[in-house]
Amino acid sequence: MASSMQVSIEVAGIDSAMVVFEPKVNKQLNHQVHILRDMIIRAQPSWLIDVVAAYHSLMIVYDIQTTDFDRVEQWLKNQLNQLQQHKVDGHQANIHEFFVCFDAEFALDMERVCEHSCLSSSEVIERYSAETYHVYTIGFAPGFAYLGDVPEPLQVPRVDTPRTKVPAGSVAIANQQTAIYPRTSPGGWNIIG
């Protein structure tokens, strides 16, 4: 990434620091977050407790018995300098393939997606299935991966009234993101399979 990368290091709590990149959902930016995460994990500083990646930020939890924010901040600045100077190995992504059943009994919101996109269900399925989705972050519930980027015609807003029970394994769309519900839970995304 170019040296013009905008990033800040902030206090996130008594035992944590937050590295904040430009606040937007962007695959290249998120890639930088994951490269930095990998760098920190590989370096394994003795004070490190946890590293949590998000869309455009990275939280670093540290042992306050052995270090403080100022030392962690300086160490992170050195890591960011290496990241900016391209002195790091790229993030290795794993590809996972999932089979989706788009039958009407599972595609509870397919009609809504078709109306919004002005596409037939077969066109929605074709466009949705043609993409390789990037895991931006894990959240909401354990194992719930926020994936992107959904093709623009399929970017449908969340449903007006969230369901209290979305079946585990449901494939859903909300705006530019998609997800597979890892377990039965409440949810407000458009279920397409």
N, C-alpha and C. Protein backbone atom coordinates (compact mmCIF):
# COMPACT_ATOMS: atom_id res chain seq x y z
N MET A 1 0.85 -1.17 0.00
CA MET A 1 0.00 0.00 0.00
C MET A 1 0.90 1.23 0.00
N ALA A 2 0.46 2.26 -0.64
CA ALA A 2 1.26 3.48 -0.76
C ALA A 2 1.48 4.14 0.59
N SER A 3 2.53 4.97 0.66
CA SER A 3 2.85 5.62 1.92
C SER A 3 1.80 6.63 2.35
N SER A 4 0.81 6.90 1.51
CA SER A 4 -0.25 7.84 1.86
C SER A 4 -1.36 7.17 2.67
N MET A 5 -1.17 5.92 3.07
CA MET A 5 -2.16 5.19 3.85
C MET A 5 -2.50 5.97 5.12
N GLN A 6 -3.79 6.21 5.33
CA GLN A 6 -4.23 6.93 6.52
C GLN A 6 -4.58 5.91 7.59
N VAL A 7 -3.91 6.02 8.72
CA VAL A 7 -4.12 5.08 9.81
C VAL A 7 -3.84 5.77 11.13
N SER A 8 -4.58 5.38 12.16
CA SER A 8 -4.33 5.92 13.49
C SER A 8 -4.30 4.77 14.49
N ILE A 9 -3.66 5.01 15.61
CA ILE A 9 -3.61 4.02 16.70
C ILE A 9 -4.27 4.69 17.90
N GLU A 10 -5.31 4.06 18.40
CA GLU A 10 -6.11 4.66 19.47
C GLU A 10 -6.22 3.72 20.67
N VAL A 11 -6.49 4.29 21.82
CA VAL A 11 -6.79 3.49 23.01
C VAL A 11 -8.18 2.91 22.82
N ALA A 12 -8.30 1.59 22.97
CA ALA A 12 -9.60 0.93 22.83
C ALA A 12 -10.14 0.46 24.17
N GLY A 13 -9.29 0.45 25.17
CA GLY A 13 -9.67 0.01 26.51
C GLY A 13 -8.44 0.00 27.39
N ILE A 14 -8.60 -0.41 28.62
CA ILE A 14 -7.48 -0.41 29.55
C ILE A 14 -6.37 -1.36 29.10
N ASP A 15 -6.75 -2.39 28.33
CA ASP A 15 -5.77 -3.39 27.89
C ASP A 15 -5.77 -3.60 26.38
N SER A 16 -6.20 -2.57 25.63
CA SER A 16 -6.28 -2.78 24.19
C SER A 16 -6.04 -1.50 23.40
N ALA A 17 -5.51 -1.72 22.20
CA ALA A 17 -5.27 -0.63 21.25
C ALA A 17 -6.03 -0.95 19.97
N MET A 18 -6.43 0.08 19.25
CA MET A 18 -7.15 -0.09 18.00
C MET A 18 -6.37 0.59 16.89
N VAL A 19 -6.04 -0.17 15.85
CA VAL A 19 -5.44 0.39 14.65
C VAL A 19 -6.60 0.65 13.70
N VAL A 20 -6.79 1.90 13.32
CA VAL A 20 -7.95 2.30 12.51
C VAL A 20 -7.47 2.83 11.17
N PHE A 21 -7.87 2.14 10.11
CA PHE A 21 -7.60 2.57 8.75
C PHE A 21 -8.74 3.47 8.29
N GLU A 22 -8.75 3.87 7.05
CA GLU A 22 -9.80 4.72 6.51
C GLU A 22 -11.16 4.04 6.70
N PRO A 23 -12.15 4.74 7.29
CA PRO A 23 -13.43 4.11 7.64
C PRO A 23 -14.35 3.87 6.45
N LYS A 24 -14.10 2.78 5.73
CA LYS A 24 -14.98 2.39 4.63
C LYS A 24 -14.87 0.90 4.41
N VAL A 25 -15.88 0.32 3.78
CA VAL A 25 -15.87 -1.09 3.45
C VAL A 25 -15.23 -1.22 2.08
N ASN A 26 -14.02 -1.78 2.07
CA ASN A 26 -13.24 -1.85 0.85
C ASN A 26 -12.35 -3.08 0.94
N LYS A 27 -12.36 -3.92 -0.09
CA LYS A 27 -11.62 -5.18 -0.06
C LYS A 27 -10.12 -4.96 0.09
N GLN A 28 -9.55 -4.00 -0.63
CA GLN A 28 -8.11 -3.76 -0.54
C GLN A 28 -7.71 -3.26 0.85
N LEU A 29 -8.53 -2.40 1.42
CA LEU A 29 -8.28 -1.89 2.76
C LEU A 29 -8.36 -3.04 3.78
N ASN A 30 -9.39 -3.87 3.63
CA ASN A 30 -9.56 -5.00 4.53
C ASN A 30 -8.41 -5.98 4.39
N HIS A 31 -7.89 -6.12 3.18
CA HIS A 31 -6.73 -6.98 2.94
C HIS A 31 -5.54 -6.47 3.77
N GLN A 32 -5.35 -5.16 3.84
CA GLN A 32 -4.27 -4.59 4.65
C GLN A 32 -4.47 -4.89 6.14
N VAL A 33 -5.71 -4.83 6.59
CA VAL A 33 -6.03 -5.17 7.99
C VAL A 33 -5.59 -6.61 8.27
N HIS A 34 -5.92 -7.52 7.36
CA HIS A 34 -5.58 -8.93 7.57
C HIS A 34 -4.08 -9.20 7.45
N ILE A 35 -3.40 -8.47 6.57
CA ILE A 35 -1.94 -8.62 6.50
C ILE A 35 -1.31 -8.18 7.82
N LEU A 36 -1.77 -7.03 8.35
CA LEU A 36 -1.25 -6.55 9.63
C LEU A 36 -1.54 -7.55 10.74
N ARG A 37 -2.73 -8.11 10.74
CA ARG A 37 -3.09 -9.14 11.73
C ARG A 37 -2.12 -10.31 11.65
N ASP A 38 -1.87 -10.79 10.43
CA ASP A 38 -0.95 -11.91 10.24
C ASP A 38 0.46 -11.55 10.73
N MET A 39 0.90 -10.32 10.44
CA MET A 39 2.23 -9.87 10.88
C MET A 39 2.34 -9.91 12.41
N ILE A 40 1.30 -9.41 13.08
CA ILE A 40 1.30 -9.36 14.55
C ILE A 40 1.33 -10.77 15.13
N ILE A 41 0.51 -11.65 14.56
CA ILE A 41 0.46 -13.03 15.06
C ILE A 41 1.80 -13.74 14.84
N ARG A 42 2.41 -13.51 13.67
CA ARG A 42 3.72 -14.13 13.40
C ARG A 42 4.80 -13.60 14.35
N ALA A 43 4.74 -12.31 14.66
CA ALA A 43 5.75 -11.71 15.55
C ALA A 43 5.60 -12.20 16.99
N GLN A 44 4.37 -12.52 17.41
CA GLN A 44 4.07 -13.02 18.75
C GLN A 44 4.79 -12.26 19.86
N PRO A 45 4.58 -10.93 19.98
CA PRO A 45 5.19 -10.23 21.12
C PRO A 45 4.70 -10.85 22.43
N SER A 46 5.56 -10.87 23.42
CA SER A 46 5.24 -11.57 24.68
C SER A 46 4.01 -11.01 25.38
N TRP A 47 3.66 -9.77 25.12
CA TRP A 47 2.51 -9.12 25.78
C TRP A 47 1.19 -9.35 25.05
N LEU A 48 1.22 -9.99 23.88
CA LEU A 48 0.01 -10.15 23.05
C LEU A 48 -0.95 -11.17 23.65
N ILE A 49 -2.22 -10.78 23.77
CA ILE A 49 -3.27 -11.68 24.24
C ILE A 49 -4.20 -12.06 23.09
N ASP A 50 -4.61 -11.08 22.26
CA ASP A 50 -5.54 -11.37 21.17
C ASP A 50 -5.44 -10.28 20.10
N VAL A 51 -5.84 -10.65 18.89
CA VAL A 51 -5.90 -9.72 17.76
C VAL A 51 -7.23 -9.96 17.06
N VAL A 52 -8.04 -8.91 16.91
CA VAL A 52 -9.37 -9.04 16.33
C VAL A 52 -9.48 -8.12 15.13
N ALA A 53 -9.66 -8.71 13.96
CA ALA A 53 -9.78 -7.94 12.71
C ALA A 53 -11.24 -7.60 12.44
N ALA A 54 -11.46 -6.39 11.90
CA ALA A 54 -12.79 -5.96 11.47
C ALA A 54 -12.66 -5.39 10.06
N TYR A 55 -13.65 -4.66 9.60
CA TYR A 55 -13.64 -4.12 8.24
C TYR A 55 -12.43 -3.24 7.97
N HIS A 56 -12.24 -2.24 8.79
CA HIS A 56 -11.16 -1.28 8.57
C HIS A 56 -10.40 -0.98 9.85
N SER A 57 -10.43 -1.93 10.77
CA SER A 57 -9.71 -1.73 12.03
C SER A 57 -9.23 -3.07 12.57
N LEU A 58 -8.32 -2.96 13.53
CA LEU A 58 -7.73 -4.13 14.15
C LEU A 58 -7.55 -3.83 15.63
N MET A 59 -8.15 -4.64 16.49
CA MET A 59 -7.99 -4.45 17.93
C MET A 59 -6.92 -5.41 18.44
N ILE A 60 -6.00 -4.85 19.21
CA ILE A 60 -4.92 -5.63 19.79
C ILE A 60 -5.09 -5.60 21.31
N VAL A 61 -5.30 -6.77 21.90
CA VAL A 61 -5.45 -6.88 23.36
C VAL A 61 -4.10 -7.33 23.91
N TYR A 62 -3.64 -6.61 24.94
CA TYR A 62 -2.31 -6.88 25.50
C TYR A 62 -2.36 -7.06 27.01
N ASP A 63 -1.30 -7.65 27.53
CA ASP A 63 -1.17 -7.92 28.96
C ASP A 63 -0.68 -6.66 29.67
N ILE A 64 -1.55 -6.04 30.46
CA ILE A 64 -1.17 -4.78 31.12
C ILE A 64 -0.19 -5.00 32.27
N GLN A 65 0.04 -6.27 32.62
CA GLN A 65 1.03 -6.56 33.66
C GLN A 65 2.46 -6.48 33.11
N THR A 66 2.60 -6.58 31.78
CA THR A 66 3.94 -6.62 31.19
C THR A 66 4.23 -5.46 30.24
N THR A 67 3.22 -4.68 29.87
CA THR A 67 3.45 -3.56 28.95
C THR A 67 2.38 -2.50 29.15
N ASP A 68 2.48 -1.42 28.39
CA ASP A 68 1.48 -0.35 28.47
C ASP A 68 1.16 0.14 27.05
N PHE A 69 0.19 1.01 26.94
CA PHE A 69 -0.26 1.49 25.63
C PHE A 69 0.87 2.14 24.85
N ASP A 70 1.68 2.96 25.49
CA ASP A 70 2.75 3.67 24.77
C ASP A 70 3.71 2.71 24.08
N ARG A 71 4.09 1.63 24.77
CA ARG A 71 5.01 0.66 24.17
C ARG A 71 4.34 -0.11 23.03
N VAL A 72 3.09 -0.48 23.26
CA VAL A 72 2.33 -1.19 22.21
C VAL A 72 2.17 -0.28 21.00
N GLU A 73 1.85 0.98 21.24
CA GLU A 73 1.68 1.95 20.15
C GLU A 73 2.96 2.07 19.32
N GLN A 74 4.09 2.18 19.98
CA GLN A 74 5.36 2.30 19.26
C GLN A 74 5.66 1.04 18.45
N TRP A 75 5.40 -0.11 19.04
CA TRP A 75 5.62 -1.37 18.34
C TRP A 75 4.72 -1.45 17.10
N LEU A 76 3.45 -1.05 17.27
CA LEU A 76 2.51 -1.07 16.14
C LEU A 76 2.92 -0.10 15.04
N LYS A 77 3.46 1.06 15.42
CA LYS A 77 3.95 2.01 14.42
C LYS A 77 5.05 1.38 13.57
N ASN A 78 5.92 0.61 14.20
CA ASN A 78 6.97 -0.09 13.45
C ASN A 78 6.38 -1.11 12.48
N GLN A 79 5.36 -1.83 12.94
CA GLN A 79 4.69 -2.81 12.08
C GLN A 79 4.02 -2.10 10.89
N LEU A 80 3.37 -0.99 11.17
CA LEU A 80 2.70 -0.24 10.10
C LEU A 80 3.70 0.32 9.10
N ASN A 81 4.87 0.72 9.59
CA ASN A 81 5.92 1.20 8.70
C ASN A 81 6.35 0.09 7.74
N GLN A 82 6.50 -1.12 8.25
CA GLN A 82 6.84 -2.27 7.39
C GLN A 82 5.73 -2.54 6.39
N LEU A 83 4.49 -2.44 6.83
CA LEU A 83 3.34 -2.65 5.95
C LEU A 83 3.33 -1.62 4.82
N GLN A 84 3.58 -0.38 5.15
CA GLN A 84 3.58 0.69 4.16
C GLN A 84 4.72 0.55 3.16
N GLN A 85 5.82 -0.02 3.59
CA GLN A 85 6.98 -0.15 2.71
C GLN A 85 7.00 -1.48 1.97
N HIS A 86 5.89 -2.21 2.02
CA HIS A 86 5.76 -3.48 1.30
C HIS A 86 6.82 -4.50 1.71
N LYS A 87 7.24 -4.46 2.95
CA LYS A 87 8.26 -5.41 3.41
C LYS A 87 7.63 -6.62 4.09
N VAL A 88 6.41 -6.95 3.67
CA VAL A 88 5.71 -8.05 4.30
C VAL A 88 5.21 -9.02 3.24
N ASP A 89 5.02 -10.25 3.65
CA ASP A 89 4.42 -11.25 2.76
C ASP A 89 2.93 -10.99 2.70
N GLY A 90 2.34 -11.30 1.58
CA GLY A 90 0.89 -11.12 1.41
C GLY A 90 0.09 -12.07 2.27
N HIS A 91 -1.13 -11.70 2.52
CA HIS A 91 -2.08 -12.53 3.28
C HIS A 91 -2.51 -13.69 2.39
N GLN A 92 -2.41 -14.90 2.90
CA GLN A 92 -2.81 -16.08 2.14
C GLN A 92 -4.29 -16.37 2.40
N ALA A 93 -5.08 -16.29 1.38
CA ALA A 93 -6.51 -16.53 1.52
C ALA A 93 -6.84 -17.99 1.21
N ASN A 94 -7.77 -18.53 1.96
CA ASN A 94 -8.29 -19.87 1.69
C ASN A 94 -9.59 -19.72 0.92
N ILE A 95 -9.83 -20.62 0.00
CA ILE A 95 -11.08 -20.62 -0.76
C ILE A 95 -11.95 -21.75 -0.22
N HIS A 96 -13.18 -21.42 0.12
CA HIS A 96 -14.15 -22.42 0.58
C HIS A 96 -15.31 -22.42 -0.41
N GLU A 97 -15.75 -23.60 -0.79
CA GLU A 97 -16.86 -23.70 -1.73
C GLU A 97 -18.08 -24.26 -1.00
N PHE A 98 -19.22 -23.61 -1.21
CA PHE A 98 -20.46 -24.04 -0.58
C PHE A 98 -21.50 -24.31 -1.66
N PHE A 99 -22.30 -25.32 -1.44
CA PHE A 99 -23.39 -25.63 -2.35
C PHE A 99 -24.66 -25.05 -1.75
N VAL A 100 -25.40 -24.31 -2.56
CA VAL A 100 -26.60 -23.62 -2.08
C VAL A 100 -27.82 -24.15 -2.81
N CYS A 101 -28.86 -24.45 -2.07
CA CYS A 101 -30.14 -24.85 -2.66
C CYS A 101 -31.01 -23.60 -2.72
N PHE A 102 -31.39 -23.20 -3.92
CA PHE A 102 -32.19 -22.00 -4.12
C PHE A 102 -33.68 -22.31 -4.29
N ASP A 103 -34.11 -23.52 -3.94
CA ASP A 103 -35.52 -23.88 -4.05
C ASP A 103 -36.37 -22.92 -3.22
N ALA A 104 -37.60 -22.68 -3.67
CA ALA A 104 -38.50 -21.70 -3.06
C ALA A 104 -38.68 -21.90 -1.56
N GLU A 105 -38.69 -23.14 -1.09
CA GLU A 105 -38.91 -23.39 0.34
C GLU A 105 -37.77 -22.84 1.20
N PHE A 106 -36.58 -22.66 0.59
CA PHE A 106 -35.42 -22.13 1.32
C PHE A 106 -35.15 -20.66 0.98
N ALA A 107 -35.60 -20.22 -0.17
CA ALA A 107 -35.33 -18.86 -0.66
C ALA A 107 -36.49 -17.93 -0.29
N LEU A 108 -36.64 -17.69 1.00
CA LEU A 108 -37.80 -16.99 1.53
C LEU A 108 -37.98 -15.57 0.99
N ASP A 109 -36.88 -14.93 0.61
CA ASP A 109 -36.96 -13.54 0.13
C ASP A 109 -36.53 -13.39 -1.33
N MET A 110 -36.51 -14.49 -2.07
CA MET A 110 -36.07 -14.41 -3.47
C MET A 110 -36.97 -13.47 -4.27
N GLU A 111 -38.26 -13.52 -4.03
CA GLU A 111 -39.20 -12.65 -4.77
C GLU A 111 -38.86 -11.17 -4.51
N ARG A 112 -38.57 -10.84 -3.28
CA ARG A 112 -38.20 -9.45 -2.93
C ARG A 112 -36.92 -9.04 -3.65
N VAL A 113 -35.92 -9.93 -3.67
CA VAL A 113 -34.66 -9.64 -4.35
C VAL A 113 -34.90 -9.47 -5.85
N CYS A 114 -35.74 -10.32 -6.42
CA CYS A 114 -36.07 -10.22 -7.85
C CYS A 114 -36.75 -8.88 -8.17
N GLU A 115 -37.69 -8.50 -7.33
CA GLU A 115 -38.40 -7.22 -7.56
C GLU A 115 -37.43 -6.04 -7.47
N HIS A 116 -36.58 -6.05 -6.46
CA HIS A 116 -35.65 -4.95 -6.26
C HIS A 116 -34.61 -4.86 -7.38
N SER A 117 -34.15 -6.00 -7.85
CA SER A 117 -33.09 -6.03 -8.86
C SER A 117 -33.61 -6.02 -10.30
N CYS A 118 -34.93 -6.23 -10.46
CA CYS A 118 -35.53 -6.36 -11.80
C CYS A 118 -34.92 -7.53 -12.58
N LEU A 119 -34.60 -8.59 -11.85
CA LEU A 119 -34.04 -9.80 -12.46
C LEU A 119 -34.92 -10.98 -12.12
N SER A 120 -34.87 -12.02 -12.95
CA SER A 120 -35.59 -13.25 -12.64
C SER A 120 -34.82 -14.00 -11.57
N SER A 121 -35.45 -14.99 -10.97
CA SER A 121 -34.75 -15.77 -9.94
C SER A 121 -33.55 -16.50 -10.54
N SER A 122 -33.66 -16.99 -11.76
CA SER A 122 -32.51 -17.67 -12.37
C SER A 122 -31.36 -16.69 -12.62
N GLU A 123 -31.68 -15.43 -12.97
CA GLU A 123 -30.64 -14.42 -13.15
C GLU A 123 -29.99 -14.05 -11.82
N VAL A 124 -30.79 -13.95 -10.77
CA VAL A 124 -30.25 -13.67 -9.43
C VAL A 124 -29.29 -14.79 -9.03
N ILE A 125 -29.73 -16.03 -9.21
CA ILE A 125 -28.91 -17.18 -8.84
C ILE A 125 -27.60 -17.18 -9.64
N GLU A 126 -27.71 -16.93 -10.94
CA GLU A 126 -26.52 -16.92 -11.80
C GLU A 126 -25.54 -15.84 -11.38
N ARG A 127 -26.03 -14.63 -11.15
CA ARG A 127 -25.13 -13.53 -10.77
C ARG A 127 -24.54 -13.75 -9.38
N TYR A 128 -25.38 -14.20 -8.45
CA TYR A 128 -24.90 -14.44 -7.09
C TYR A 128 -23.82 -15.53 -7.08
N SER A 129 -24.07 -16.61 -7.81
CA SER A 129 -23.17 -17.76 -7.81
C SER A 129 -21.89 -17.54 -8.58
N ALA A 130 -21.85 -16.54 -9.44
CA ALA A 130 -20.66 -16.29 -10.26
C ALA A 130 -19.53 -15.62 -9.48
N GLU A 131 -19.83 -15.12 -8.30
CA GLU A 131 -18.85 -14.35 -7.52
C GLU A 131 -18.04 -15.24 -6.57
N THR A 132 -16.83 -14.77 -6.26
CA THR A 132 -16.05 -15.31 -5.15
C THR A 132 -16.09 -14.22 -4.09
N TYR A 133 -16.60 -14.55 -2.91
CA TYR A 133 -16.82 -13.55 -1.87
C TYR A 133 -15.65 -13.52 -0.88
N HIS A 134 -15.37 -12.33 -0.42
CA HIS A 134 -14.27 -12.07 0.52
C HIS A 134 -14.82 -11.99 1.94
N VAL A 135 -14.17 -12.64 2.90
CA VAL A 135 -14.57 -12.55 4.31
C VAL A 135 -13.98 -11.25 4.86
N TYR A 136 -14.85 -10.28 5.15
CA TYR A 136 -14.38 -9.02 5.72
C TYR A 136 -14.10 -9.17 7.21
N THR A 137 -15.03 -9.79 7.91
CA THR A 137 -14.88 -9.95 9.35
C THR A 137 -15.85 -11.02 9.84
N ILE A 138 -15.67 -11.45 11.07
CA ILE A 138 -16.57 -12.40 11.72
C ILE A 138 -17.23 -11.66 12.87
N GLY A 139 -18.54 -11.78 12.98
CA GLY A 139 -19.21 -11.05 14.06
C GLY A 139 -20.68 -11.40 14.16
N PHE A 140 -21.42 -10.57 14.87
CA PHE A 140 -22.85 -10.74 15.14
C PHE A 140 -23.07 -11.97 16.01
N ALA A 141 -22.62 -13.13 15.53
CA ALA A 141 -22.72 -14.38 16.27
C ALA A 141 -21.47 -15.19 15.94
N PRO A 142 -21.05 -16.10 16.81
CA PRO A 142 -19.87 -16.91 16.50
C PRO A 142 -20.00 -17.60 15.14
N GLY A 143 -18.99 -17.42 14.30
CA GLY A 143 -18.98 -18.05 13.00
C GLY A 143 -19.73 -17.33 11.90
N PHE A 144 -20.35 -16.19 12.23
CA PHE A 144 -21.10 -15.44 11.22
C PHE A 144 -20.12 -14.58 10.44
N ALA A 145 -19.83 -15.00 9.20
CA ALA A 145 -18.86 -14.29 8.36
C ALA A 145 -19.57 -13.27 7.48
N TYR A 146 -19.11 -12.02 7.56
CA TYR A 146 -19.62 -10.96 6.69
C TYR A 146 -18.84 -11.03 5.38
N LEU A 147 -19.52 -11.41 4.31
CA LEU A 147 -18.89 -11.62 3.01
C LEU A 147 -19.27 -10.51 2.04
N GLY A 148 -18.39 -10.20 1.14
CA GLY A 148 -18.68 -9.21 0.10
C GLY A 148 -17.81 -9.50 -1.10
N ASP A 149 -18.07 -8.88 -2.14
CA ASP A 149 -19.08 -7.87 -2.36
C ASP A 149 -20.13 -8.43 -3.31
N VAL A 150 -21.38 -8.26 -2.92
CA VAL A 150 -22.51 -8.72 -3.72
C VAL A 150 -22.59 -7.85 -4.98
N PRO A 151 -22.84 -8.45 -6.15
CA PRO A 151 -22.96 -7.64 -7.37
C PRO A 151 -24.02 -6.54 -7.18
N GLU A 152 -23.75 -5.39 -7.73
CA GLU A 152 -24.60 -4.21 -7.50
C GLU A 152 -26.10 -4.44 -7.72
N PRO A 153 -26.53 -5.11 -8.79
CA PRO A 153 -27.98 -5.29 -8.96
C PRO A 153 -28.64 -6.08 -7.83
N LEU A 154 -27.85 -6.89 -7.13
CA LEU A 154 -28.39 -7.73 -6.05
C LEU A 154 -28.28 -7.09 -4.67
N GLN A 155 -27.81 -5.87 -4.60
CA GLN A 155 -27.63 -5.20 -3.31
C GLN A 155 -28.98 -4.67 -2.82
N VAL A 156 -29.65 -5.53 -2.06
CA VAL A 156 -30.99 -5.26 -1.56
C VAL A 156 -30.92 -4.90 -0.08
N PRO A 157 -31.63 -3.85 0.34
CA PRO A 157 -31.61 -3.48 1.77
C PRO A 157 -32.15 -4.60 2.66
N ARG A 158 -31.81 -4.53 3.91
CA ARG A 158 -32.33 -5.48 4.90
C ARG A 158 -33.86 -5.46 4.88
N VAL A 159 -34.47 -6.52 5.36
CA VAL A 159 -35.93 -6.58 5.43
C VAL A 159 -36.41 -5.60 6.49
N ASP A 160 -37.64 -5.10 6.34
CA ASP A 160 -38.18 -4.11 7.27
C ASP A 160 -38.36 -4.66 8.68
N THR A 161 -38.82 -5.90 8.76
CA THR A 161 -39.04 -6.53 10.06
C THR A 161 -38.18 -7.79 10.15
N PRO A 162 -37.14 -7.77 10.98
CA PRO A 162 -36.28 -8.95 11.10
C PRO A 162 -37.05 -10.17 11.60
N ARG A 163 -36.61 -11.33 11.17
CA ARG A 163 -37.20 -12.59 11.63
C ARG A 163 -36.62 -12.92 13.01
N THR A 164 -37.41 -13.55 13.84
CA THR A 164 -36.91 -13.96 15.16
C THR A 164 -36.11 -15.25 15.04
N LYS A 165 -36.33 -16.01 13.93
CA LYS A 165 -35.65 -17.29 13.77
C LYS A 165 -35.30 -17.51 12.30
N VAL A 166 -34.01 -17.34 11.98
CA VAL A 166 -33.51 -17.66 10.64
C VAL A 166 -32.83 -19.03 10.75
N PRO A 167 -33.23 -20.00 9.93
CA PRO A 167 -32.65 -21.34 10.04
C PRO A 167 -31.14 -21.37 9.77
N ALA A 168 -30.45 -22.20 10.51
CA ALA A 168 -29.01 -22.40 10.28
C ALA A 168 -28.79 -22.83 8.84
N GLY A 169 -27.74 -22.31 8.23
CA GLY A 169 -27.42 -22.65 6.85
C GLY A 169 -28.07 -21.74 5.83
N SER A 170 -28.93 -20.82 6.27
CA SER A 170 -29.57 -19.90 5.35
C SER A 170 -28.54 -18.98 4.71
N VAL A 171 -28.67 -18.75 3.41
CA VAL A 171 -27.81 -17.85 2.67
C VAL A 171 -28.60 -16.58 2.45
N ALA A 172 -28.00 -15.43 2.80
CA ALA A 172 -28.75 -14.19 2.78
C ALA A 172 -27.93 -13.03 2.24
N ILE A 173 -28.64 -11.99 1.81
CA ILE A 173 -28.04 -10.76 1.27
C ILE A 173 -28.57 -9.57 2.05
N ALA A 174 -27.69 -8.61 2.32
CA ALA A 174 -28.08 -7.32 2.88
C ALA A 174 -27.13 -6.28 2.30
N ASN A 175 -27.65 -5.43 1.44
CA ASN A 175 -26.84 -4.41 0.78
C ASN A 175 -25.68 -5.06 0.03
N GLN A 176 -24.44 -4.63 0.26
CA GLN A 176 -23.32 -5.19 -0.51
C GLN A 176 -22.75 -6.46 0.10
N GLN A 177 -23.41 -6.98 1.15
CA GLN A 177 -22.86 -8.15 1.84
C GLN A 177 -23.77 -9.36 1.72
N THR A 178 -23.15 -10.51 1.96
CA THR A 178 -23.88 -11.76 2.01
C THR A 178 -23.32 -12.57 3.17
N ALA A 179 -24.07 -13.58 3.58
CA ALA A 179 -23.63 -14.41 4.70
C ALA A 179 -24.36 -15.74 4.67
N ILE A 180 -23.77 -16.70 5.37
CA ILE A 180 -24.42 -17.98 5.63
C ILE A 180 -24.62 -18.04 7.13
N TYR A 181 -25.86 -18.10 7.57
CA TYR A 181 -26.13 -18.15 9.01
C TYR A 181 -25.57 -19.46 9.58
N PRO A 182 -24.61 -19.39 10.52
CA PRO A 182 -23.98 -20.61 11.03
C PRO A 182 -24.87 -21.40 11.99
N ARG A 183 -25.86 -20.75 12.55
CA ARG A 183 -26.79 -21.42 13.46
C ARG A 183 -28.12 -20.68 13.41
N THR A 184 -29.15 -21.28 13.90
CA THR A 184 -30.46 -20.62 13.95
C THR A 184 -30.37 -19.42 14.87
N SER A 185 -30.80 -18.26 14.35
CA SER A 185 -30.70 -17.02 15.12
C SER A 185 -31.64 -15.98 14.52
N PRO A 186 -31.86 -14.87 15.22
CA PRO A 186 -32.63 -13.79 14.62
C PRO A 186 -31.85 -13.21 13.44
N GLY A 187 -32.54 -12.55 12.52
CA GLY A 187 -31.83 -11.94 11.40
C GLY A 187 -32.75 -11.12 10.51
N GLY A 188 -32.18 -10.11 9.90
CA GLY A 188 -32.95 -9.21 9.05
C GLY A 188 -32.48 -9.16 7.62
N TRP A 189 -31.72 -10.15 7.19
CA TRP A 189 -31.22 -10.16 5.81
C TRP A 189 -32.19 -10.91 4.91
N ASN A 190 -32.05 -10.70 3.61
CA ASN A 190 -32.90 -11.33 2.60
C ASN A 190 -32.40 -12.75 2.35
N ILE A 191 -33.22 -13.73 2.68
CA ILE A 191 -32.82 -15.14 2.54
C ILE A 191 -33.09 -15.59 1.11
N ILE A 192 -32.03 -16.05 0.44
CA ILE A 192 -32.17 -16.47 -0.96
C ILE A 192 -31.88 -17.96 -1.17
N GLY A 193 -31.49 -18.67 -0.12
CA GLY A 193 -31.21 -20.09 -0.27
C GLY A 193 -30.91 -20.74 1.06
